[in-house]
Amino acid sequence: MNYLWAFVIGGGICAVGQILIDLTGLTPARILTGYVVAGVVLSAIGWYAPLAEFAGCGATVPLLGFGHLLAKGVRTALQEEGAVGILTGGLTAAAAGVTTSLVCGVVCSWVGRSHDQN
């Protein structure tokens, strides 16, 4: 059942993004930013943690989950380090994911070929 709920919740989040692209004039970049901000807001009011607990990776992998991760990191660092945690908490919490993304991007650039876009 865990896999089913992860698929349903994650698919629903992605479907909402696709509907926003198809039916509105929003660009994917604006939707991406909106999802991250929505994850931060939902985490701040305490609604995202129960969803992440229920849906697992279906809620933590999409961009809403990245916003939740940033907010959670800031909250933890704020409690441990004080006001400095506002600046460092999100970066510390997301460092592993961002580093992995960058390393995978570099490896793919070495393996793949660049094609002229014109």
N, C-alpha and C. Protein backbone atom coordinates (compact mmCIF):
# COMPACT_ATOMS: atom_id res chain seq x y z
N MET A 1 0.82 -1.20 0.00
CA MET A 1 0.00 0.00 0.00
C MET A 1 0.86 1.27 0.00
N ASN A 2 2.06 1.19 0.62
CA ASN A 2 2.93 2.37 0.65
C ASN A 2 3.29 2.83 -0.76
N TYR A 3 3.58 1.87 -1.64
CA TYR A 3 3.93 2.20 -3.02
C TYR A 3 2.75 2.83 -3.75
N LEU A 4 1.58 2.31 -3.50
CA LEU A 4 0.38 2.85 -4.15
C LEU A 4 0.15 4.31 -3.75
N TRP A 5 0.23 4.59 -2.43
CA TRP A 5 0.00 5.95 -1.97
C TRP A 5 1.09 6.90 -2.45
N ALA A 6 2.33 6.43 -2.49
CA ALA A 6 3.42 7.26 -3.01
C ALA A 6 3.15 7.61 -4.47
N PHE A 7 2.71 6.62 -5.25
CA PHE A 7 2.41 6.84 -6.66
C PHE A 7 1.23 7.80 -6.83
N VAL A 8 0.18 7.62 -6.06
CA VAL A 8 -1.02 8.46 -6.19
C VAL A 8 -0.72 9.90 -5.79
N ILE A 9 -0.07 10.10 -4.66
CA ILE A 9 0.21 11.46 -4.19
C ILE A 9 1.24 12.14 -5.11
N GLY A 10 2.33 11.45 -5.42
CA GLY A 10 3.34 12.03 -6.32
C GLY A 10 2.78 12.30 -7.70
N GLY A 11 1.98 11.37 -8.23
CA GLY A 11 1.34 11.57 -9.52
C GLY A 11 0.36 12.72 -9.50
N GLY A 12 -0.36 12.88 -8.41
CA GLY A 12 -1.29 13.99 -8.28
C GLY A 12 -0.58 15.34 -8.29
N ILE A 13 0.55 15.41 -7.58
CA ILE A 13 1.33 16.64 -7.55
C ILE A 13 1.82 16.97 -8.97
N CYS A 14 2.33 15.97 -9.67
CA CYS A 14 2.81 16.18 -11.03
C CYS A 14 1.67 16.52 -11.99
N ALA A 15 0.53 15.90 -11.80
CA ALA A 15 -0.62 16.18 -12.66
C ALA A 15 -1.10 17.62 -12.50
N VAL A 16 -1.09 18.12 -11.28
CA VAL A 16 -1.47 19.51 -11.05
C VAL A 16 -0.51 20.44 -11.79
N GLY A 17 0.77 20.14 -11.75
CA GLY A 17 1.75 20.94 -12.48
C GLY A 17 1.50 20.92 -13.98
N GLN A 18 1.19 19.73 -14.51
CA GLN A 18 0.92 19.62 -15.95
C GLN A 18 -0.35 20.37 -16.33
N ILE A 19 -1.36 20.30 -15.49
CA ILE A 19 -2.60 21.04 -15.75
C ILE A 19 -2.34 22.54 -15.74
N LEU A 20 -1.51 23.00 -14.81
CA LEU A 20 -1.17 24.42 -14.78
C LEU A 20 -0.43 24.85 -16.05
N ILE A 21 0.44 24.00 -16.56
CA ILE A 21 1.15 24.31 -17.80
C ILE A 21 0.17 24.37 -18.97
N ASP A 22 -0.73 23.39 -19.04
CA ASP A 22 -1.66 23.29 -20.18
C ASP A 22 -2.74 24.35 -20.19
N LEU A 23 -3.27 24.70 -19.03
CA LEU A 23 -4.45 25.56 -18.98
C LEU A 23 -4.18 27.01 -18.61
N THR A 24 -2.97 27.33 -18.21
CA THR A 24 -2.67 28.71 -17.84
C THR A 24 -1.49 29.20 -18.66
N GLY A 25 -1.17 30.43 -18.52
CA GLY A 25 -0.02 31.01 -19.20
C GLY A 25 1.25 30.91 -18.38
N LEU A 26 1.21 30.15 -17.28
CA LEU A 26 2.37 30.03 -16.42
C LEU A 26 3.47 29.23 -17.11
N THR A 27 4.69 29.69 -16.96
CA THR A 27 5.83 28.96 -17.51
C THR A 27 6.24 27.88 -16.52
N PRO A 28 6.93 26.85 -16.98
CA PRO A 28 7.41 25.82 -16.06
C PRO A 28 8.28 26.39 -14.94
N ALA A 29 9.06 27.44 -15.23
CA ALA A 29 9.90 28.03 -14.19
C ALA A 29 9.05 28.66 -13.08
N ARG A 30 7.95 29.29 -13.45
CA ARG A 30 7.07 29.89 -12.43
C ARG A 30 6.36 28.80 -11.62
N ILE A 31 6.00 27.73 -12.27
CA ILE A 31 5.36 26.62 -11.55
C ILE A 31 6.36 25.97 -10.60
N LEU A 32 7.60 25.80 -11.05
CA LEU A 32 8.65 25.24 -10.20
C LEU A 32 8.82 26.11 -8.95
N THR A 33 8.94 27.40 -9.14
CA THR A 33 9.10 28.31 -8.02
C THR A 33 7.88 28.28 -7.10
N GLY A 34 6.71 28.25 -7.70
CA GLY A 34 5.48 28.18 -6.90
C GLY A 34 5.40 26.91 -6.07
N TYR A 35 5.83 25.80 -6.65
CA TYR A 35 5.82 24.54 -5.90
C TYR A 35 6.78 24.58 -4.71
N VAL A 36 7.97 25.14 -4.91
CA VAL A 36 8.93 25.22 -3.81
C VAL A 36 8.38 26.12 -2.71
N VAL A 37 7.84 27.27 -3.08
CA VAL A 37 7.27 28.20 -2.09
C VAL A 37 6.07 27.55 -1.39
N ALA A 38 5.23 26.84 -2.14
CA ALA A 38 4.08 26.16 -1.53
C ALA A 38 4.55 25.10 -0.53
N GLY A 39 5.64 24.40 -0.85
CA GLY A 39 6.19 23.42 0.09
C GLY A 39 6.66 24.08 1.38
N VAL A 40 7.28 25.25 1.27
CA VAL A 40 7.73 25.99 2.45
C VAL A 40 6.52 26.43 3.28
N VAL A 41 5.51 26.98 2.62
CA VAL A 41 4.32 27.47 3.33
C VAL A 41 3.58 26.32 3.99
N LEU A 42 3.37 25.23 3.25
CA LEU A 42 2.67 24.07 3.83
C LEU A 42 3.44 23.47 5.00
N SER A 43 4.76 23.50 4.91
CA SER A 43 5.58 23.01 6.01
C SER A 43 5.48 23.95 7.21
N ALA A 44 5.46 25.25 6.95
CA ALA A 44 5.40 26.24 8.04
C ALA A 44 4.10 26.13 8.83
N ILE A 45 3.01 25.82 8.14
CA ILE A 45 1.73 25.73 8.87
C ILE A 45 1.47 24.31 9.39
N GLY A 46 2.42 23.40 9.13
CA GLY A 46 2.34 22.07 9.71
C GLY A 46 1.53 21.06 8.91
N TRP A 47 1.22 21.35 7.66
CA TRP A 47 0.41 20.42 6.86
C TRP A 47 1.25 19.46 6.03
N TYR A 48 2.49 19.84 5.71
CA TYR A 48 3.26 19.00 4.80
C TYR A 48 3.90 17.80 5.49
N ALA A 49 4.30 17.93 6.74
CA ALA A 49 4.93 16.81 7.45
C ALA A 49 4.01 15.59 7.51
N PRO A 50 2.72 15.73 7.85
CA PRO A 50 1.86 14.56 7.84
C PRO A 50 1.69 13.95 6.44
N LEU A 51 1.64 14.79 5.41
CA LEU A 51 1.55 14.29 4.04
C LEU A 51 2.81 13.52 3.67
N ALA A 52 3.97 14.04 4.03
CA ALA A 52 5.24 13.36 3.75
C ALA A 52 5.33 12.05 4.51
N GLU A 53 4.82 12.02 5.71
CA GLU A 53 4.81 10.78 6.50
C GLU A 53 3.90 9.73 5.86
N PHE A 54 2.76 10.18 5.35
CA PHE A 54 1.78 9.27 4.75
C PHE A 54 2.23 8.78 3.38
N ALA A 55 2.70 9.68 2.52
CA ALA A 55 3.00 9.33 1.13
C ALA A 55 4.46 8.98 0.89
N GLY A 56 5.32 9.20 1.84
CA GLY A 56 6.74 8.87 1.67
C GLY A 56 7.36 9.64 0.52
N CYS A 57 8.06 8.92 -0.35
CA CYS A 57 8.76 9.56 -1.48
C CYS A 57 7.80 10.19 -2.48
N GLY A 58 6.57 9.81 -2.47
CA GLY A 58 5.60 10.44 -3.35
C GLY A 58 5.38 11.90 -3.01
N ALA A 59 5.69 12.28 -1.76
CA ALA A 59 5.56 13.67 -1.34
C ALA A 59 6.90 14.35 -1.13
N THR A 60 7.95 13.59 -0.87
CA THR A 60 9.24 14.23 -0.58
C THR A 60 10.10 14.44 -1.82
N VAL A 61 9.88 13.69 -2.89
CA VAL A 61 10.70 13.83 -4.10
C VAL A 61 10.27 15.00 -4.98
N PRO A 62 8.97 15.26 -5.18
CA PRO A 62 8.59 16.42 -6.02
C PRO A 62 9.06 17.74 -5.40
N LEU A 63 8.92 18.82 -6.13
CA LEU A 63 9.41 20.12 -5.70
C LEU A 63 8.77 20.62 -4.40
N LEU A 64 7.57 20.22 -4.13
CA LEU A 64 6.97 20.57 -2.84
C LEU A 64 7.83 20.02 -1.70
N GLY A 65 8.37 18.84 -1.89
CA GLY A 65 9.23 18.22 -0.90
C GLY A 65 10.53 18.99 -0.70
N PHE A 66 11.05 19.59 -1.77
CA PHE A 66 12.26 20.40 -1.65
C PHE A 66 11.98 21.63 -0.79
N GLY A 67 10.84 22.26 -0.99
CA GLY A 67 10.47 23.39 -0.15
C GLY A 67 10.30 22.97 1.30
N HIS A 68 9.71 21.81 1.51
CA HIS A 68 9.54 21.27 2.86
C HIS A 68 10.91 21.02 3.50
N LEU A 69 11.84 20.46 2.73
CA LEU A 69 13.19 20.20 3.22
C LEU A 69 13.89 21.49 3.63
N LEU A 70 13.77 22.53 2.81
CA LEU A 70 14.38 23.81 3.14
C LEU A 70 13.79 24.38 4.44
N ALA A 71 12.47 24.36 4.56
CA ALA A 71 11.81 24.90 5.75
C ALA A 71 12.19 24.10 7.00
N LYS A 72 12.24 22.80 6.86
CA LYS A 72 12.60 21.93 7.98
C LYS A 72 14.04 22.20 8.42
N GLY A 73 14.94 22.38 7.44
CA GLY A 73 16.34 22.68 7.76
C GLY A 73 16.49 24.01 8.46
N VAL A 74 15.76 25.01 8.01
CA VAL A 74 15.83 26.32 8.65
C VAL A 74 15.28 26.24 10.07
N ARG A 75 14.17 25.54 10.25
CA ARG A 75 13.57 25.41 11.58
C ARG A 75 14.54 24.73 12.55
N THR A 76 15.18 23.65 12.10
CA THR A 76 16.13 22.92 12.95
C THR A 76 17.35 23.78 13.28
N ALA A 77 17.93 24.43 12.27
CA ALA A 77 19.11 25.26 12.49
C ALA A 77 18.79 26.48 13.35
N LEU A 78 17.61 27.01 13.22
CA LEU A 78 17.20 28.15 14.04
C LEU A 78 17.15 27.76 15.51
N GLN A 79 16.66 26.57 15.80
CA GLN A 79 16.62 26.10 17.18
C GLN A 79 18.01 25.82 17.73
N GLU A 80 18.91 25.29 16.87
CA GLU A 80 20.24 24.90 17.33
C GLU A 80 21.23 26.07 17.34
N GLU A 81 21.17 26.94 16.34
CA GLU A 81 22.20 27.96 16.16
C GLU A 81 21.70 29.39 16.36
N GLY A 82 20.42 29.57 16.48
CA GLY A 82 19.88 30.91 16.61
C GLY A 82 19.63 31.55 15.26
N ALA A 83 19.76 32.86 15.18
CA ALA A 83 19.42 33.62 13.98
C ALA A 83 20.28 33.24 12.77
N VAL A 84 21.51 32.80 13.00
CA VAL A 84 22.38 32.38 11.90
C VAL A 84 21.77 31.19 11.16
N GLY A 85 21.01 30.38 11.83
CA GLY A 85 20.35 29.23 11.23
C GLY A 85 19.38 29.58 10.13
N ILE A 86 18.88 30.81 10.14
CA ILE A 86 17.99 31.25 9.06
C ILE A 86 18.72 31.22 7.73
N LEU A 87 19.99 31.61 7.74
CA LEU A 87 20.78 31.65 6.52
C LEU A 87 21.39 30.30 6.15
N THR A 88 21.75 29.50 7.15
CA THR A 88 22.49 28.27 6.88
C THR A 88 21.65 27.00 6.88
N GLY A 89 20.51 27.02 7.51
CA GLY A 89 19.72 25.80 7.70
C GLY A 89 19.25 25.15 6.42
N GLY A 90 18.69 25.94 5.50
CA GLY A 90 18.19 25.38 4.25
C GLY A 90 19.31 24.82 3.40
N LEU A 91 20.44 25.52 3.36
CA LEU A 91 21.58 25.04 2.57
C LEU A 91 22.14 23.75 3.14
N THR A 92 22.23 23.66 4.44
CA THR A 92 22.76 22.46 5.08
C THR A 92 21.84 21.27 4.83
N ALA A 93 20.54 21.49 4.95
CA ALA A 93 19.58 20.40 4.77
C ALA A 93 19.55 19.88 3.34
N ALA A 94 19.73 20.78 2.38
CA ALA A 94 19.61 20.40 0.97
C ALA A 94 20.95 20.10 0.30
N ALA A 95 22.04 20.17 1.04
CA ALA A 95 23.38 20.05 0.45
C ALA A 95 23.58 18.71 -0.27
N ALA A 96 23.15 17.63 0.32
CA ALA A 96 23.38 16.31 -0.31
C ALA A 96 22.64 16.20 -1.64
N GLY A 97 21.40 16.63 -1.68
CA GLY A 97 20.62 16.55 -2.91
C GLY A 97 21.15 17.45 -4.01
N VAL A 98 21.54 18.66 -3.64
CA VAL A 98 22.08 19.60 -4.62
C VAL A 98 23.41 19.10 -5.16
N THR A 99 24.26 18.58 -4.28
CA THR A 99 25.55 18.05 -4.70
C THR A 99 25.38 16.87 -5.64
N THR A 100 24.47 15.97 -5.31
CA THR A 100 24.21 14.83 -6.18
C THR A 100 23.73 15.27 -7.55
N SER A 101 22.85 16.24 -7.59
CA SER A 101 22.36 16.76 -8.86
C SER A 101 23.48 17.34 -9.70
N LEU A 102 24.34 18.11 -9.08
CA LEU A 102 25.45 18.71 -9.81
C LEU A 102 26.43 17.66 -10.33
N VAL A 103 26.76 16.69 -9.50
CA VAL A 103 27.69 15.63 -9.93
C VAL A 103 27.09 14.84 -11.08
N CYS A 104 25.81 14.48 -10.98
CA CYS A 104 25.15 13.75 -12.08
C CYS A 104 25.12 14.58 -13.36
N GLY A 105 24.90 15.88 -13.24
CA GLY A 105 24.91 16.76 -14.40
C GLY A 105 26.27 16.81 -15.07
N VAL A 106 27.33 16.87 -14.27
CA VAL A 106 28.69 16.90 -14.83
C VAL A 106 29.01 15.57 -15.51
N VAL A 107 28.66 14.46 -14.87
CA VAL A 107 28.92 13.14 -15.47
C VAL A 107 28.15 12.99 -16.77
N CYS A 108 26.91 13.41 -16.80
CA CYS A 108 26.12 13.33 -18.04
C CYS A 108 26.71 14.22 -19.13
N SER A 109 27.27 15.36 -18.76
CA SER A 109 27.88 16.22 -19.77
C SER A 109 29.14 15.60 -20.34
N TRP A 110 29.84 14.80 -19.56
CA TRP A 110 31.03 14.12 -20.06
C TRP A 110 30.65 12.98 -21.00
N VAL A 111 29.56 12.29 -20.66
CA VAL A 111 29.15 11.11 -21.44
C VAL A 111 28.39 11.51 -22.70
N GLY A 112 27.50 12.48 -22.58
CA GLY A 112 26.66 12.88 -23.70
C GLY A 112 27.38 13.81 -24.66
N ARG A 113 26.79 13.99 -25.80
CA ARG A 113 27.32 14.90 -26.80
C ARG A 113 26.45 16.14 -26.90
N SER A 114 27.09 17.23 -27.09
CA SER A 114 26.38 18.49 -27.28
C SER A 114 25.96 18.60 -28.74
N HIS A 115 24.75 19.06 -28.97
CA HIS A 115 24.26 19.25 -30.34
C HIS A 115 23.95 20.73 -30.54
N ASP A 116 24.22 21.21 -31.73
CA ASP A 116 23.92 22.59 -32.05
C ASP A 116 22.40 22.80 -32.01
N GLN A 117 21.96 23.82 -31.30
CA GLN A 117 20.53 24.07 -31.14
C GLN A 117 19.92 24.78 -32.33
N ASN A 118 20.73 25.28 -33.25
CA ASN A 118 20.21 26.03 -34.41
C ASN A 118 19.94 25.14 -35.57
